[in-house]
Amino acid sequence: MPSTARFLRHPLGLTIAALMSSAAFAQSSPTLNTVHVVAEALHHSDSVVDADTLERYQADDLGDLFDQDPQISVGGSLGIAQKLYVRGVEDPLLNVTIDGAAQSGSLFHHTGRIGVDPALLKRVEVTTGAGRATDGPGALGGSVRFVTKDPDDLLRNGERLGGLLSAGAGTNPESYRVSTTLFGRVNDQWSAMGTLVERDQQRYEDGNGSEQAGTEANQQLGQVKLLGDFGAQRFTLSHEIRQDEGERAQRPQWIVSGFNRLYTLDAERQTSTLNYRLRPQGQ
């Protein structure tokens, strides 16, 4: 008897007893109902650049978009060289989307892979830090979601057709930019819009008045968008073409040198996006 009592107080004996107790509890415990967890990405955004802010900034590039947010920085003065950083984490380690289309590829790891015209944007949503499940794949350092304008965002109540024309010019570098947008409503369900942007800039000059090689650019953007809104269901189909031409250094974010020589570079990107949203009645 004494030896048996000592065996029951042994840690191994306690482990066996605990396992037997857990198994008995599992057999007698009731089955729990399924719990559904639903989240919307917008509600989890740490920073949102809305339409009013975009209109007030009159942003010319990515750097202007995030100029007031200390968590986000943009490196590179040329569109083809601009890289996005969230808390110091480079954009290849972020989940970056434009209207839901992932911006996952680049021509070269020294060039930027995010090309979006600020004039087309309706909203920018940013989450920082370790990615949440709603941020999508690859969001090691967070996510950035660009949302472009729909025809309904430009049409006022009762309007069927409209247009926007904007132009700008700069001195350093010598540059100009012209943007034309036409939008209209076919009927109560269907609407469409089209945008053409032309931008041309010469070389920058430094503080001594010397031109910086590899900083000139000629860029074109074309986008068409079709929207179908049937109340509970909503379709959006868009196609975008971006072109960038000019003399570029092999590593465009570095100074031109014998090691980093200039090349004539023509880059083109085409993106087609189809979005479908279901909004059940009563929700």
Protein backbone atom coordinates (compact mmCIF):
# COMPACT_ATOMS: atom_id res chain seq x y z
CA MET A 1 0.00 0.00 0.00
CA PRO A 2 2.67 2.61 0.83
CA SER A 3 4.43 1.94 -2.50
CA THR A 4 1.14 2.28 -4.39
CA ALA A 5 0.46 5.66 -2.76
CA ARG A 6 3.89 6.93 -3.76
CA PHE A 7 3.29 5.89 -7.42
CA LEU A 8 0.01 7.83 -7.65
CA ARG A 9 1.77 11.02 -6.52
CA HIS A 10 4.43 10.64 -9.25
CA PRO A 11 4.22 13.32 -12.01
CA LEU A 12 3.69 10.59 -14.62
CA GLY A 13 0.69 9.34 -12.71
CA LEU A 14 -0.73 12.86 -12.57
CA THR A 15 -0.28 13.25 -16.36
CA ILE A 16 -2.14 10.01 -17.05
CA ALA A 17 -4.95 11.07 -14.74
CA ALA A 18 -5.18 14.48 -16.44
CA LEU A 19 -5.41 12.90 -19.91
CA MET A 20 -8.15 10.54 -18.76
CA SER A 21 -10.05 13.44 -17.26
CA SER A 22 -9.75 15.50 -20.49
CA ALA A 23 -10.99 12.60 -22.60
CA ALA A 24 -13.98 12.11 -20.33
CA PHE A 25 -14.77 15.85 -20.49
CA ALA A 26 -14.56 15.86 -24.29
CA GLN A 27 -17.05 12.99 -24.50
CA SER A 28 -19.52 14.72 -22.22
CA SER A 29 -19.15 18.34 -23.47
CA PRO A 30 -21.85 19.72 -25.84
CA THR A 31 -21.11 20.60 -29.49
CA LEU A 32 -20.71 24.36 -29.94
CA ASN A 33 -22.39 26.28 -32.75
CA THR A 34 -20.26 27.64 -35.62
CA VAL A 35 -19.09 31.22 -35.10
CA HIS A 36 -18.73 33.37 -38.26
CA VAL A 37 -16.32 36.32 -38.14
CA VAL A 38 -16.77 38.98 -40.84
CA ALA A 39 -14.52 42.01 -41.34
CA GLU A 40 -14.29 44.86 -43.82
CA ALA A 41 -10.80 46.03 -44.78
CA LEU A 42 -11.73 49.72 -44.58
CA HIS A 43 -12.60 49.43 -40.90
CA HIS A 44 -9.09 48.17 -40.13
CA SER A 45 -7.18 50.90 -41.99
CA ASP A 46 -4.74 52.89 -39.88
CA SER A 47 -4.68 55.74 -42.38
CA VAL A 48 -7.15 56.82 -45.07
CA VAL A 49 -6.54 59.52 -47.68
CA ASP A 50 -10.08 60.43 -48.72
CA ALA A 51 -11.46 62.33 -51.72
CA ASP A 52 -11.50 65.70 -49.94
CA THR A 53 -7.85 65.36 -48.96
CA LEU A 54 -6.86 64.30 -52.48
CA GLU A 55 -8.62 67.32 -53.96
CA ARG A 56 -6.95 69.65 -51.46
CA TYR A 57 -3.44 68.24 -52.04
CA GLN A 58 -3.60 68.44 -55.85
CA ALA A 59 -0.97 65.69 -55.75
CA ASP A 60 1.37 65.27 -58.69
CA ASP A 61 2.86 61.90 -57.72
CA LEU A 62 3.01 59.31 -54.92
CA GLY A 63 5.25 61.49 -52.79
CA ASP A 64 2.63 64.25 -52.65
CA LEU A 65 -0.09 61.75 -51.70
CA PHE A 66 1.60 60.68 -48.47
CA ASP A 67 3.45 63.89 -47.66
CA GLN A 68 1.49 64.41 -44.40
CA ASP A 69 1.77 60.85 -43.06
CA PRO A 70 5.01 60.21 -41.13
CA GLN A 71 4.52 56.42 -41.31
CA ILE A 72 4.74 56.41 -45.11
CA SER A 73 7.59 57.65 -47.28
CA VAL A 74 8.24 57.58 -51.02
CA GLY A 75 11.73 57.42 -52.47
CA GLY A 76 12.72 58.53 -55.96
CA SER A 77 11.84 61.65 -57.94
CA LEU A 78 10.90 59.80 -61.14
CA GLY A 79 7.72 57.78 -61.49
CA ILE A 80 9.64 54.75 -62.73
CA ALA A 81 11.98 54.92 -59.73
CA GLN A 82 9.48 55.66 -56.96
CA LYS A 83 9.29 53.10 -54.20
CA LEU A 84 6.83 53.08 -51.31
CA TYR A 85 7.92 52.46 -47.71
CA VAL A 86 5.60 51.86 -44.74
CA ARG A 87 7.48 52.22 -41.44
CA GLY A 88 10.67 51.54 -43.37
CA VAL A 89 9.38 48.35 -45.04
CA GLU A 90 9.69 48.44 -48.85
CA ASP A 91 6.63 47.85 -51.04
CA PRO A 92 7.63 44.30 -52.22
CA LEU A 93 6.92 43.25 -48.61
CA LEU A 94 3.53 45.00 -48.62
CA ASN A 95 0.23 43.99 -50.16
CA VAL A 96 -0.36 46.78 -52.71
CA THR A 97 -3.51 46.78 -54.83
CA ILE A 98 -5.20 49.13 -57.30
CA ASP A 99 -8.94 48.45 -57.43
CA GLY A 100 -8.19 45.02 -56.01
CA ALA A 101 -5.53 44.13 -58.62
CA ALA A 102 -2.27 43.16 -56.88
CA GLN A 103 0.81 45.12 -57.97
CA SER A 104 3.10 42.14 -57.68
CA GLY A 105 5.70 42.52 -60.43
CA SER A 106 8.36 44.96 -61.60
CA LEU A 107 10.68 45.24 -64.59
CA PHE A 108 13.78 45.31 -62.37
CA HIS A 109 14.23 45.34 -58.62
CA HIS A 110 15.75 48.83 -58.81
CA THR A 111 12.65 50.28 -60.47
CA GLY A 112 9.31 51.08 -58.87
CA ARG A 113 6.30 48.87 -59.48
CA ILE A 114 3.48 51.19 -58.39
CA GLY A 115 2.11 53.43 -61.12
CA VAL A 116 -1.08 55.34 -60.42
CA ASP A 117 -2.19 58.83 -61.40
CA PRO A 118 -3.39 60.79 -58.33
CA ALA A 119 -6.07 62.48 -60.45
CA LEU A 120 -7.85 59.12 -60.82
CA LEU A 121 -7.90 58.25 -57.12
CA LYS A 122 -10.97 58.33 -54.90
CA ARG A 123 -9.38 56.92 -51.75
CA VAL A 124 -6.17 55.37 -50.42
CA GLU A 125 -6.31 52.98 -47.44
CA VAL A 126 -3.16 52.02 -45.54
CA THR A 127 -2.60 49.49 -42.76
CA THR A 128 0.78 49.48 -41.03
CA GLY A 129 2.71 46.85 -39.14
CA ALA A 130 2.33 43.09 -39.29
CA GLY A 131 -0.35 42.13 -41.80
CA ARG A 132 -3.83 41.11 -40.72
CA ALA A 133 -5.78 38.31 -42.37
CA THR A 134 -7.91 40.89 -44.22
CA ASP A 135 -4.79 42.53 -45.72
CA GLY A 136 -4.25 39.70 -48.18
CA PRO A 137 -1.11 37.71 -49.05
CA GLY A 138 2.36 39.21 -48.79
CA ALA A 139 1.41 41.90 -46.24
CA LEU A 140 4.48 41.43 -44.06
CA GLY A 141 4.71 45.15 -43.33
CA GLY A 142 1.08 46.11 -43.99
CA SER A 143 -1.02 46.94 -47.03
CA VAL A 144 -1.83 49.85 -49.33
CA ARG A 145 -5.11 49.87 -51.26
CA PHE A 146 -5.66 52.42 -54.03
CA VAL A 147 -9.29 52.90 -55.10
CA THR A 148 -9.95 54.81 -58.34
CA LYS A 149 -12.97 56.93 -59.16
CA ASP A 150 -16.16 55.52 -60.70
CA PRO A 151 -18.41 57.40 -63.12
CA ASP A 152 -20.95 57.78 -60.29
CA ASP A 153 -18.33 59.71 -58.28
CA LEU A 154 -18.16 62.36 -61.00
CA LEU A 155 -21.80 62.56 -62.12
CA ARG A 156 -24.12 64.79 -60.11
CA ASN A 157 -27.78 64.05 -59.55
CA GLY A 158 -29.69 64.32 -62.80
CA GLU A 159 -26.59 64.55 -64.99
CA ARG A 160 -26.08 62.24 -67.96
CA LEU A 161 -22.79 63.48 -69.40
CA GLY A 162 -19.82 65.43 -68.16
CA GLY A 163 -16.11 66.05 -68.57
CA LEU A 164 -13.02 67.29 -66.75
CA LEU A 165 -10.01 69.04 -68.25
CA SER A 166 -6.93 69.93 -66.25
CA ALA A 167 -3.49 71.23 -67.16
CA GLY A 168 -0.36 72.21 -65.30
CA ALA A 169 3.22 73.32 -65.90
CA GLY A 170 6.46 73.47 -63.92
CA THR A 171 9.82 75.20 -64.14
CA ASN A 172 12.23 72.75 -62.49
CA PRO A 173 12.05 70.52 -64.21
CA GLU A 174 10.44 72.20 -67.20
CA SER A 175 7.30 70.14 -67.57
CA TYR A 176 3.65 70.10 -68.49
CA ARG A 177 0.73 67.82 -67.75
CA VAL A 178 -2.66 67.60 -69.50
CA SER A 179 -5.53 65.37 -68.35
CA THR A 180 -8.91 64.83 -70.02
CA THR A 181 -11.76 62.76 -68.56
CA LEU A 182 -15.17 62.10 -70.09
CA PHE A 183 -17.94 60.34 -68.18
CA GLY A 184 -21.59 59.58 -68.76
CA ARG A 185 -24.59 57.48 -67.86
CA VAL A 186 -26.06 55.16 -70.50
CA ASN A 187 -29.17 54.38 -68.43
CA ASP A 188 -30.11 53.95 -64.77
CA GLN A 189 -27.87 50.88 -64.41
CA TRP A 190 -24.87 51.46 -66.69
CA SER A 191 -22.31 54.26 -66.73
CA ALA A 192 -18.82 54.67 -68.20
CA MET A 193 -15.78 56.92 -68.15
CA GLY A 194 -12.53 57.36 -70.04
CA THR A 195 -9.32 59.22 -69.12
CA LEU A 196 -6.26 60.30 -71.10
CA VAL A 197 -3.20 61.83 -69.40
CA GLU A 198 -0.09 63.19 -71.12
CA ARG A 199 2.96 64.31 -69.15
CA ASP A 200 6.35 65.49 -70.39
CA GLN A 201 9.30 66.74 -68.36
CA GLN A 202 12.86 67.79 -69.08
CA ARG A 203 15.91 67.19 -66.90
CA TYR A 204 16.08 68.50 -63.35
CA GLU A 205 18.63 71.16 -62.44
CA ASP A 206 20.52 71.00 -59.17
CA GLY A 207 21.34 73.99 -56.94
CA ASN A 208 24.27 74.92 -59.18
CA GLY A 209 22.13 74.92 -62.30
CA SER A 210 23.58 71.66 -63.66
CA GLU A 211 21.20 69.26 -65.41
CA GLN A 212 20.81 65.79 -63.92
CA ALA A 213 21.05 63.09 -66.57
CA GLY A 214 18.35 60.44 -66.69
CA THR A 215 15.59 62.60 -65.18
CA GLU A 216 13.60 63.45 -68.30
CA ALA A 217 10.42 61.51 -69.03
CA ASN A 218 7.46 61.28 -71.34
CA GLN A 219 4.46 59.49 -69.86
CA GLN A 220 1.00 58.59 -71.14
CA LEU A 221 -1.93 57.06 -69.31
CA GLY A 222 -5.21 55.78 -70.72
CA GLN A 223 -8.04 54.22 -68.73
CA VAL A 224 -11.59 53.17 -69.53
CA LYS A 225 -14.09 52.03 -66.92
CA LEU A 226 -17.56 50.51 -67.16
CA LEU A 227 -19.89 50.35 -64.17
CA GLY A 228 -23.11 48.38 -63.80
CA ASP A 229 -25.16 48.98 -60.65
CA PHE A 230 -28.27 46.81 -60.15
CA GLY A 231 -28.91 47.59 -56.51
CA ALA A 232 -27.96 44.32 -54.85
CA GLN A 233 -25.28 43.60 -57.46
CA ARG A 234 -22.52 45.84 -58.76
CA PHE A 235 -20.03 45.19 -61.60
CA THR A 236 -16.94 47.24 -62.44
CA LEU A 237 -14.72 46.52 -65.46
CA SER A 238 -11.66 48.66 -66.19
CA HIS A 239 -8.61 48.57 -68.45
CA GLU A 240 -5.54 50.75 -68.03
CA ILE A 241 -2.45 51.36 -70.18
CA ARG A 242 0.60 53.21 -68.84
CA GLN A 243 3.64 54.11 -70.94
CA ASP A 244 6.93 55.68 -69.85
CA GLU A 245 9.67 56.67 -72.30
CA GLY A 246 13.05 58.31 -71.76
CA GLU A 247 16.72 57.83 -71.05
CA ARG A 248 17.08 55.98 -67.78
CA ALA A 249 19.98 54.78 -65.70
CA GLN A 250 20.09 51.03 -65.15
CA ARG A 251 19.48 51.82 -61.49
CA PRO A 252 17.21 54.87 -61.81
CA GLN A 253 17.35 55.79 -58.11
CA TRP A 254 21.17 56.15 -58.26
CA ILE A 255 23.28 58.91 -59.79
CA VAL A 256 24.41 58.36 -63.39
CA SER A 257 28.05 57.21 -63.60
CA GLY A 258 30.35 54.94 -65.56
CA PHE A 259 29.03 52.06 -63.45
CA ASN A 260 25.39 53.18 -63.74
CA ARG A 261 25.06 54.16 -67.41
CA LEU A 262 22.10 55.58 -69.32
CA TYR A 263 19.89 53.47 -71.58
CA THR A 264 16.88 54.32 -73.71
CA LEU A 265 14.01 52.69 -71.86
CA ASP A 266 10.41 52.28 -72.98
CA ALA A 267 8.15 50.72 -70.35
CA GLU A 268 4.50 49.76 -70.74
CA ARG A 269 2.03 48.22 -68.33
CA GLN A 270 -1.50 47.07 -69.07
CA THR A 271 -3.94 46.11 -66.33
CA SER A 272 -7.50 44.82 -66.63
CA THR A 273 -9.67 44.58 -63.52
CA LEU A 274 -13.10 43.05 -62.97
CA ASN A 275 -14.85 43.57 -59.63
CA TYR A 276 -18.18 42.14 -58.51
CA ARG A 277 -19.95 43.01 -55.28
CA LEU A 278 -23.10 41.42 -53.86
CA ARG A 279 -25.13 43.36 -51.33
CA PRO A 280 -28.03 41.15 -50.12
CA GLN A 281 -31.24 42.99 -49.38
CA GLY A 282 -31.55 44.05 -45.75
CA GLN A 283 -27.79 44.08 -45.10
